[in-house]
Amino acid sequence: MLELELIYGATLSHDEDGIIVTFRDLENVFSWGETLEEAIFNAQEALDGVLESMAAQDLDIPLPSAIRDGEVGIPLSADVAAPVMLYILRMQQHKSLAQVAKTLGKSYQAYQRMEKMGSNLTLKSLKHAAAALGATVEIRFKKVV
């Protein structure tokens, strides 16, 4: 059973100016913040932007490795994770946008919008698209500490 969860391990390095955040699985993605909260917020924004851009350019998106000791897990924000996950599932199955659209009974353009950030993807549409790709959707809430 495939579980797809987009939480990337990040290393936090302290220096005199603040905290630098780097991702082991994404070499050229990094961020910075003066405080821990700002560093993590900025890291999530950087992660969101890079993965959304990679999907838009049809680039391979590396799946996150297991988080190692000393790393912090940085998840994609939900509005980016959903379309990126659909994109990754489609790429893993070597399916075109048109093939998934046909399975869903939608136009090519309608399904293409589902894989775009900011598409206001509904839970119902997400569940249908996931099912067309052989997956289910699970929703979790995590308490912020």
N, C-alpha and C. Protein backbone atom coordinates (compact mmCIF):
# COMPACT_ATOMS: atom_id res chain seq x y z
N MET A 1 0.85 -1.18 0.00
CA MET A 1 0.00 0.00 0.00
C MET A 1 0.89 1.24 0.00
N LEU A 2 0.61 2.14 -0.90
CA LEU A 2 1.35 3.39 -1.02
C LEU A 2 0.73 4.44 -0.12
N GLU A 3 1.55 5.05 0.69
CA GLU A 3 1.10 6.21 1.46
C GLU A 3 1.94 7.39 1.01
N LEU A 4 1.27 8.43 0.65
CA LEU A 4 1.96 9.62 0.16
C LEU A 4 1.72 10.76 1.12
N GLU A 5 2.78 11.14 1.82
CA GLU A 5 2.70 12.23 2.77
C GLU A 5 3.89 13.14 2.48
N LEU A 6 3.63 14.38 2.18
CA LEU A 6 4.69 15.29 1.77
C LEU A 6 5.18 16.14 2.94
N ILE A 7 6.00 15.50 3.77
CA ILE A 7 6.65 16.18 4.90
C ILE A 7 8.14 15.95 4.71
N TYR A 8 8.85 17.02 4.48
CA TYR A 8 10.27 16.94 4.18
C TYR A 8 11.11 17.26 5.42
N GLY A 9 12.16 16.46 5.62
CA GLY A 9 13.08 16.69 6.72
C GLY A 9 13.95 17.91 6.45
N ALA A 10 14.04 18.78 7.44
CA ALA A 10 14.82 20.00 7.30
C ALA A 10 15.83 20.09 8.44
N THR A 11 16.99 20.63 8.11
CA THR A 11 18.02 20.88 9.11
C THR A 11 18.01 22.36 9.44
N LEU A 12 18.01 22.65 10.73
CA LEU A 12 18.04 24.04 11.19
C LEU A 12 19.46 24.33 11.69
N SER A 13 20.08 25.34 11.11
CA SER A 13 21.44 25.74 11.50
C SER A 13 21.38 27.15 12.05
N HIS A 14 21.87 27.31 13.25
CA HIS A 14 21.86 28.63 13.89
C HIS A 14 23.15 29.36 13.55
N ASP A 15 23.02 30.63 13.21
CA ASP A 15 24.19 31.49 13.04
C ASP A 15 23.89 32.83 13.72
N GLU A 16 24.80 33.76 13.60
CA GLU A 16 24.63 35.03 14.32
C GLU A 16 23.44 35.85 13.83
N ASP A 17 22.96 35.59 12.61
CA ASP A 17 21.85 36.36 12.06
C ASP A 17 20.49 35.70 12.26
N GLY A 18 20.47 34.42 12.60
CA GLY A 18 19.19 33.74 12.76
C GLY A 18 19.33 32.26 12.51
N ILE A 19 18.32 31.69 11.86
CA ILE A 19 18.26 30.25 11.64
C ILE A 19 18.14 29.98 10.14
N ILE A 20 19.05 29.17 9.62
CA ILE A 20 19.03 28.76 8.21
C ILE A 20 18.38 27.38 8.14
N VAL A 21 17.47 27.20 7.18
CA VAL A 21 16.77 25.94 7.01
C VAL A 21 17.15 25.36 5.65
N THR A 22 17.62 24.11 5.64
CA THR A 22 17.94 23.40 4.39
C THR A 22 17.21 22.07 4.38
N PHE A 23 16.96 21.56 3.18
CA PHE A 23 16.25 20.30 3.00
C PHE A 23 17.18 19.28 2.35
N ARG A 24 17.34 18.12 2.98
CA ARG A 24 18.20 17.07 2.46
C ARG A 24 17.71 16.55 1.11
N ASP A 25 16.40 16.41 0.94
CA ASP A 25 15.84 15.85 -0.29
C ASP A 25 15.72 16.85 -1.43
N LEU A 26 15.90 18.12 -1.13
CA LEU A 26 15.76 19.19 -2.14
C LEU A 26 16.97 20.11 -1.99
N GLU A 27 18.03 19.78 -2.69
CA GLU A 27 19.33 20.45 -2.53
C GLU A 27 19.29 21.96 -2.60
N ASN A 28 18.58 22.50 -3.53
CA ASN A 28 18.64 23.94 -3.77
C ASN A 28 17.50 24.72 -3.10
N VAL A 29 16.85 24.10 -2.12
CA VAL A 29 15.78 24.78 -1.40
C VAL A 29 16.28 25.10 0.00
N PHE A 30 16.22 26.34 0.35
CA PHE A 30 16.63 26.76 1.69
C PHE A 30 15.86 28.00 2.07
N SER A 31 15.88 28.30 3.34
CA SER A 31 15.18 29.46 3.84
C SER A 31 15.88 29.96 5.08
N TRP A 32 15.33 31.01 5.66
CA TRP A 32 15.97 31.64 6.80
C TRP A 32 14.92 32.38 7.61
N GLY A 33 15.19 32.56 8.87
CA GLY A 33 14.33 33.36 9.72
C GLY A 33 15.08 33.79 10.96
N GLU A 34 14.65 34.90 11.52
CA GLU A 34 15.30 35.40 12.74
C GLU A 34 14.92 34.56 13.96
N THR A 35 13.68 34.02 13.97
CA THR A 35 13.23 33.18 15.07
C THR A 35 12.89 31.80 14.52
N LEU A 36 12.72 30.83 15.41
CA LEU A 36 12.34 29.48 14.99
C LEU A 36 11.02 29.49 14.23
N GLU A 37 10.04 30.22 14.76
CA GLU A 37 8.72 30.28 14.12
C GLU A 37 8.82 30.88 12.72
N GLU A 38 9.58 31.96 12.58
CA GLU A 38 9.74 32.61 11.29
C GLU A 38 10.50 31.70 10.32
N ALA A 39 11.53 31.01 10.80
CA ALA A 39 12.31 30.11 9.95
C ALA A 39 11.44 28.98 9.41
N ILE A 40 10.62 28.39 10.26
CA ILE A 40 9.75 27.29 9.82
C ILE A 40 8.67 27.79 8.87
N PHE A 41 8.07 28.93 9.17
CA PHE A 41 7.06 29.53 8.28
C PHE A 41 7.67 29.79 6.90
N ASN A 42 8.85 30.42 6.87
CA ASN A 42 9.50 30.72 5.60
C ASN A 42 9.91 29.45 4.86
N ALA A 43 10.31 28.42 5.61
CA ALA A 43 10.70 27.15 4.99
C ALA A 43 9.51 26.50 4.30
N GLN A 44 8.34 26.55 4.95
CA GLN A 44 7.15 25.98 4.33
C GLN A 44 6.77 26.75 3.07
N GLU A 45 6.88 28.06 3.11
CA GLU A 45 6.59 28.87 1.91
C GLU A 45 7.55 28.53 0.78
N ALA A 46 8.83 28.36 1.10
CA ALA A 46 9.83 28.01 0.08
C ALA A 46 9.52 26.64 -0.50
N LEU A 47 9.22 25.68 0.37
CA LEU A 47 8.88 24.34 -0.06
C LEU A 47 7.64 24.34 -0.96
N ASP A 48 6.60 25.05 -0.54
CA ASP A 48 5.38 25.17 -1.34
C ASP A 48 5.69 25.72 -2.73
N GLY A 49 6.43 26.80 -2.78
CA GLY A 49 6.73 27.46 -4.05
C GLY A 49 7.53 26.59 -4.99
N VAL A 50 8.54 25.92 -4.47
CA VAL A 50 9.41 25.09 -5.31
C VAL A 50 8.65 23.87 -5.85
N LEU A 51 7.92 23.17 -4.98
CA LEU A 51 7.22 21.97 -5.45
C LEU A 51 6.09 22.31 -6.40
N GLU A 52 5.39 23.40 -6.16
CA GLU A 52 4.34 23.83 -7.08
C GLU A 52 4.93 24.17 -8.43
N SER A 53 6.07 24.84 -8.43
CA SER A 53 6.76 25.19 -9.68
C SER A 53 7.26 23.94 -10.40
N MET A 54 7.79 22.98 -9.66
CA MET A 54 8.27 21.74 -10.27
C MET A 54 7.13 20.99 -10.95
N ALA A 55 5.97 20.93 -10.29
CA ALA A 55 4.81 20.26 -10.88
C ALA A 55 4.35 21.00 -12.14
N ALA A 56 4.34 22.32 -12.10
CA ALA A 56 3.91 23.12 -13.25
C ALA A 56 4.83 22.91 -14.45
N GLN A 57 6.10 22.60 -14.18
CA GLN A 57 7.08 22.39 -15.26
C GLN A 57 7.24 20.91 -15.63
N ASP A 58 6.38 20.05 -15.06
CA ASP A 58 6.45 18.60 -15.29
C ASP A 58 7.80 18.00 -14.92
N LEU A 59 8.39 18.48 -13.83
CA LEU A 59 9.66 17.95 -13.35
C LEU A 59 9.41 16.85 -12.32
N ASP A 60 10.36 15.95 -12.18
CA ASP A 60 10.25 14.92 -11.17
C ASP A 60 10.36 15.55 -9.79
N ILE A 61 9.44 15.23 -8.93
CA ILE A 61 9.45 15.73 -7.56
C ILE A 61 9.95 14.61 -6.67
N PRO A 62 11.08 14.84 -5.98
CA PRO A 62 11.58 13.78 -5.10
C PRO A 62 10.65 13.60 -3.90
N LEU A 63 10.35 12.36 -3.61
CA LEU A 63 9.53 12.08 -2.44
C LEU A 63 10.39 12.26 -1.20
N PRO A 64 9.79 12.65 -0.10
CA PRO A 64 10.59 12.86 1.11
C PRO A 64 11.12 11.56 1.69
N SER A 65 12.37 11.61 2.14
CA SER A 65 12.96 10.49 2.86
C SER A 65 12.44 10.51 4.29
N ALA A 66 12.70 9.43 5.00
CA ALA A 66 12.34 9.39 6.43
C ALA A 66 13.10 10.51 7.14
N ILE A 67 12.42 11.15 8.05
CA ILE A 67 13.04 12.25 8.80
C ILE A 67 14.05 11.66 9.77
N ARG A 68 15.25 12.22 9.74
CA ARG A 68 16.35 11.74 10.58
C ARG A 68 16.37 12.47 11.92
N ASP A 69 17.08 11.87 12.86
CA ASP A 69 17.29 12.53 14.15
C ASP A 69 17.93 13.88 13.91
N GLY A 70 17.44 14.87 14.60
CA GLY A 70 17.98 16.22 14.47
C GLY A 70 17.31 17.05 13.39
N GLU A 71 16.47 16.43 12.56
CA GLU A 71 15.74 17.17 11.53
C GLU A 71 14.35 17.53 12.04
N VAL A 72 13.78 18.54 11.42
CA VAL A 72 12.41 18.96 11.70
C VAL A 72 11.59 18.66 10.46
N GLY A 73 10.40 18.09 10.63
CA GLY A 73 9.53 17.81 9.49
C GLY A 73 8.77 19.06 9.08
N ILE A 74 8.93 19.44 7.81
CA ILE A 74 8.22 20.60 7.27
C ILE A 74 7.23 20.08 6.22
N PRO A 75 5.93 20.21 6.50
CA PRO A 75 4.93 19.73 5.54
C PRO A 75 4.60 20.81 4.50
N LEU A 76 4.15 20.36 3.34
CA LEU A 76 3.57 21.30 2.40
C LEU A 76 2.27 21.80 3.00
N SER A 77 1.88 23.01 2.68
CA SER A 77 0.58 23.48 3.12
C SER A 77 -0.49 22.71 2.34
N ALA A 78 -1.65 22.55 2.93
CA ALA A 78 -2.71 21.72 2.36
C ALA A 78 -3.11 22.15 0.96
N ASP A 79 -3.18 23.46 0.71
CA ASP A 79 -3.62 23.92 -0.61
C ASP A 79 -2.59 23.64 -1.70
N VAL A 80 -1.36 23.39 -1.33
CA VAL A 80 -0.32 23.00 -2.30
C VAL A 80 -0.19 21.48 -2.34
N ALA A 81 -0.29 20.84 -1.19
CA ALA A 81 -0.09 19.39 -1.11
C ALA A 81 -1.09 18.62 -1.97
N ALA A 82 -2.36 19.01 -1.95
CA ALA A 82 -3.38 18.25 -2.68
C ALA A 82 -3.10 18.21 -4.18
N PRO A 83 -2.92 19.35 -4.87
CA PRO A 83 -2.63 19.25 -6.30
C PRO A 83 -1.29 18.60 -6.61
N VAL A 84 -0.29 18.82 -5.76
CA VAL A 84 1.03 18.21 -5.98
C VAL A 84 0.93 16.69 -5.82
N MET A 85 0.15 16.23 -4.84
CA MET A 85 -0.02 14.78 -4.66
C MET A 85 -0.71 14.15 -5.87
N LEU A 86 -1.72 14.83 -6.41
CA LEU A 86 -2.37 14.32 -7.62
C LEU A 86 -1.36 14.22 -8.76
N TYR A 87 -0.53 15.24 -8.90
CA TYR A 87 0.50 15.25 -9.93
C TYR A 87 1.46 14.08 -9.74
N ILE A 88 1.94 13.87 -8.51
CA ILE A 88 2.89 12.79 -8.24
C ILE A 88 2.27 11.44 -8.53
N LEU A 89 1.03 11.22 -8.08
CA LEU A 89 0.36 9.95 -8.36
C LEU A 89 0.22 9.72 -9.86
N ARG A 90 -0.15 10.76 -10.58
CA ARG A 90 -0.31 10.63 -12.04
C ARG A 90 1.02 10.30 -12.70
N MET A 91 2.10 10.95 -12.28
CA MET A 91 3.42 10.69 -12.85
C MET A 91 3.88 9.26 -12.53
N GLN A 92 3.63 8.80 -11.30
CA GLN A 92 4.03 7.44 -10.92
C GLN A 92 3.32 6.39 -11.76
N GLN A 93 2.12 6.71 -12.22
CA GLN A 93 1.35 5.77 -13.02
C GLN A 93 1.53 5.99 -14.52
N HIS A 94 2.38 6.94 -14.86
CA HIS A 94 2.66 7.26 -16.27
C HIS A 94 1.38 7.55 -17.05
N LYS A 95 0.50 8.34 -16.43
CA LYS A 95 -0.75 8.71 -17.08
C LYS A 95 -0.69 10.17 -17.50
N SER A 96 -1.36 10.46 -18.58
CA SER A 96 -1.44 11.85 -19.04
C SER A 96 -2.62 12.54 -18.36
N LEU A 97 -2.63 13.86 -18.46
CA LEU A 97 -3.78 14.62 -17.96
C LEU A 97 -5.05 14.14 -18.64
N ALA A 98 -4.96 13.91 -19.93
CA ALA A 98 -6.14 13.49 -20.71
C ALA A 98 -6.66 12.14 -20.23
N GLN A 99 -5.78 11.21 -19.91
CA GLN A 99 -6.21 9.89 -19.45
C GLN A 99 -6.96 9.99 -18.12
N VAL A 100 -6.44 10.77 -17.19
CA VAL A 100 -7.11 10.92 -15.89
C VAL A 100 -8.43 11.66 -16.08
N ALA A 101 -8.43 12.69 -16.92
CA ALA A 101 -9.66 13.44 -17.18
C ALA A 101 -10.74 12.52 -17.74
N LYS A 102 -10.36 11.67 -18.67
CA LYS A 102 -11.32 10.74 -19.27
C LYS A 102 -11.89 9.79 -18.22
N THR A 103 -11.04 9.27 -17.34
CA THR A 103 -11.49 8.38 -16.26
C THR A 103 -12.50 9.08 -15.36
N LEU A 104 -12.27 10.37 -15.13
CA LEU A 104 -13.16 11.16 -14.27
C LEU A 104 -14.40 11.66 -15.01
N GLY A 105 -14.41 11.56 -16.32
CA GLY A 105 -15.52 12.11 -17.10
C GLY A 105 -15.47 13.63 -17.15
N LYS A 106 -14.27 14.18 -17.08
CA LYS A 106 -14.09 15.64 -17.12
C LYS A 106 -13.30 16.02 -18.37
N SER A 107 -13.33 17.29 -18.68
CA SER A 107 -12.51 17.76 -19.80
C SER A 107 -11.04 17.80 -19.35
N TYR A 108 -10.16 17.81 -20.31
CA TYR A 108 -8.72 17.91 -20.05
C TYR A 108 -8.44 19.15 -19.20
N GLN A 109 -9.03 20.27 -19.59
CA GLN A 109 -8.79 21.53 -18.89
C GLN A 109 -9.30 21.50 -17.45
N ALA A 110 -10.45 20.84 -17.23
CA ALA A 110 -11.00 20.76 -15.87
C ALA A 110 -10.07 19.97 -14.96
N TYR A 111 -9.53 18.86 -15.47
CA TYR A 111 -8.60 18.10 -14.62
C TYR A 111 -7.28 18.84 -14.47
N GLN A 112 -6.83 19.48 -15.52
CA GLN A 112 -5.57 20.23 -15.45
C GLN A 112 -5.64 21.28 -14.33
N ARG A 113 -6.78 21.95 -14.20
CA ARG A 113 -6.95 22.93 -13.12
C ARG A 113 -6.86 22.30 -11.74
N MET A 114 -7.25 21.04 -11.62
CA MET A 114 -7.20 20.36 -10.32
C MET A 114 -5.76 20.19 -9.83
N GLU A 115 -4.81 20.12 -10.76
CA GLU A 115 -3.41 19.96 -10.39
C GLU A 115 -2.70 21.31 -10.23
N LYS A 116 -3.42 22.38 -10.31
CA LYS A 116 -2.82 23.72 -10.18
C LYS A 116 -3.08 24.28 -8.80
N MET A 117 -2.06 24.92 -8.22
CA MET A 117 -2.23 25.56 -6.92
C MET A 117 -3.22 26.70 -7.06
N GLY A 118 -4.06 26.87 -6.06
CA GLY A 118 -5.04 27.94 -6.08
C GLY A 118 -6.29 27.59 -6.85
N SER A 119 -6.47 26.30 -7.15
CA SER A 119 -7.62 25.89 -7.95
C SER A 119 -8.90 25.72 -7.14
N ASN A 120 -8.85 25.97 -5.84
CA ASN A 120 -10.01 25.77 -4.96
C ASN A 120 -10.58 24.37 -5.11
N LEU A 121 -9.70 23.40 -5.05
CA LEU A 121 -10.06 21.99 -5.17
C LEU A 121 -10.98 21.61 -4.01
N THR A 122 -12.14 21.08 -4.32
CA THR A 122 -13.05 20.66 -3.26
C THR A 122 -12.66 19.27 -2.77
N LEU A 123 -13.08 18.95 -1.58
CA LEU A 123 -12.80 17.62 -1.03
C LEU A 123 -13.43 16.54 -1.90
N LYS A 124 -14.64 16.79 -2.38
CA LYS A 124 -15.33 15.82 -3.24
C LYS A 124 -14.53 15.58 -4.52
N SER A 125 -14.05 16.65 -5.16
CA SER A 125 -13.26 16.52 -6.39
C SER A 125 -11.94 15.81 -6.11
N LEU A 126 -11.31 16.15 -4.99
CA LEU A 126 -10.05 15.52 -4.62
C LEU A 126 -10.24 14.02 -4.43
N LYS A 127 -11.31 13.62 -3.75
CA LYS A 127 -11.58 12.21 -3.52
C LYS A 127 -11.82 11.48 -4.84
N HIS A 128 -12.54 12.10 -5.76
CA HIS A 128 -12.80 11.48 -7.07
C HIS A 128 -11.51 11.33 -7.87
N ALA A 129 -10.69 12.37 -7.87
CA ALA A 129 -9.43 12.31 -8.61
C ALA A 129 -8.49 11.28 -8.00
N ALA A 130 -8.42 11.23 -6.68
CA ALA A 130 -7.57 10.24 -6.02
C ALA A 130 -8.04 8.83 -6.37
N ALA A 131 -9.35 8.61 -6.37
CA ALA A 131 -9.89 7.30 -6.72
C ALA A 131 -9.54 6.92 -8.15
N ALA A 132 -9.57 7.89 -9.06
CA ALA A 132 -9.21 7.62 -10.45
C ALA A 132 -7.74 7.23 -10.58
N LEU A 133 -6.95 7.61 -9.59
CA LEU A 133 -5.53 7.27 -9.58
C LEU A 133 -5.24 6.12 -8.62
N GLY A 134 -6.30 5.45 -8.15
CA GLY A 134 -6.13 4.28 -7.30
C GLY A 134 -5.77 4.60 -5.86
N ALA A 135 -6.16 5.75 -5.37
CA ALA A 135 -5.81 6.15 -4.01
C ALA A 135 -7.06 6.63 -3.27
N THR A 136 -6.93 6.78 -1.97
CA THR A 136 -7.98 7.37 -1.16
C THR A 136 -7.40 8.60 -0.47
N VAL A 137 -8.28 9.42 0.07
CA VAL A 137 -7.87 10.63 0.76
C VAL A 137 -8.17 10.46 2.24
N GLU A 138 -7.20 10.79 3.06
CA GLU A 138 -7.39 10.79 4.51
C GLU A 138 -7.10 12.19 5.01
N ILE A 139 -7.90 12.67 5.93
CA ILE A 139 -7.70 14.01 6.50
C ILE A 139 -7.30 13.83 7.96
N ARG A 140 -6.25 14.55 8.37
CA ARG A 140 -5.82 14.54 9.77
C ARG A 140 -5.64 15.96 10.25
N PHE A 141 -5.87 16.13 11.51
CA PHE A 141 -5.56 17.39 12.16
C PHE A 141 -4.47 17.11 13.17
N LYS A 142 -3.48 17.98 13.23
CA LYS A 142 -2.43 17.85 14.21
C LYS A 142 -2.43 19.10 15.08
N LYS A 143 -2.37 18.88 16.35
CA LYS A 143 -2.34 20.01 17.27
C LYS A 143 -0.98 20.68 17.17
N VAL A 144 -1.00 21.99 17.04
CA VAL A 144 0.23 22.77 16.98
C VAL A 144 0.73 22.94 18.40
N VAL A 145 2.00 22.61 18.58
CA VAL A 145 2.57 22.70 19.92
C VAL A 145 3.26 24.01 20.15
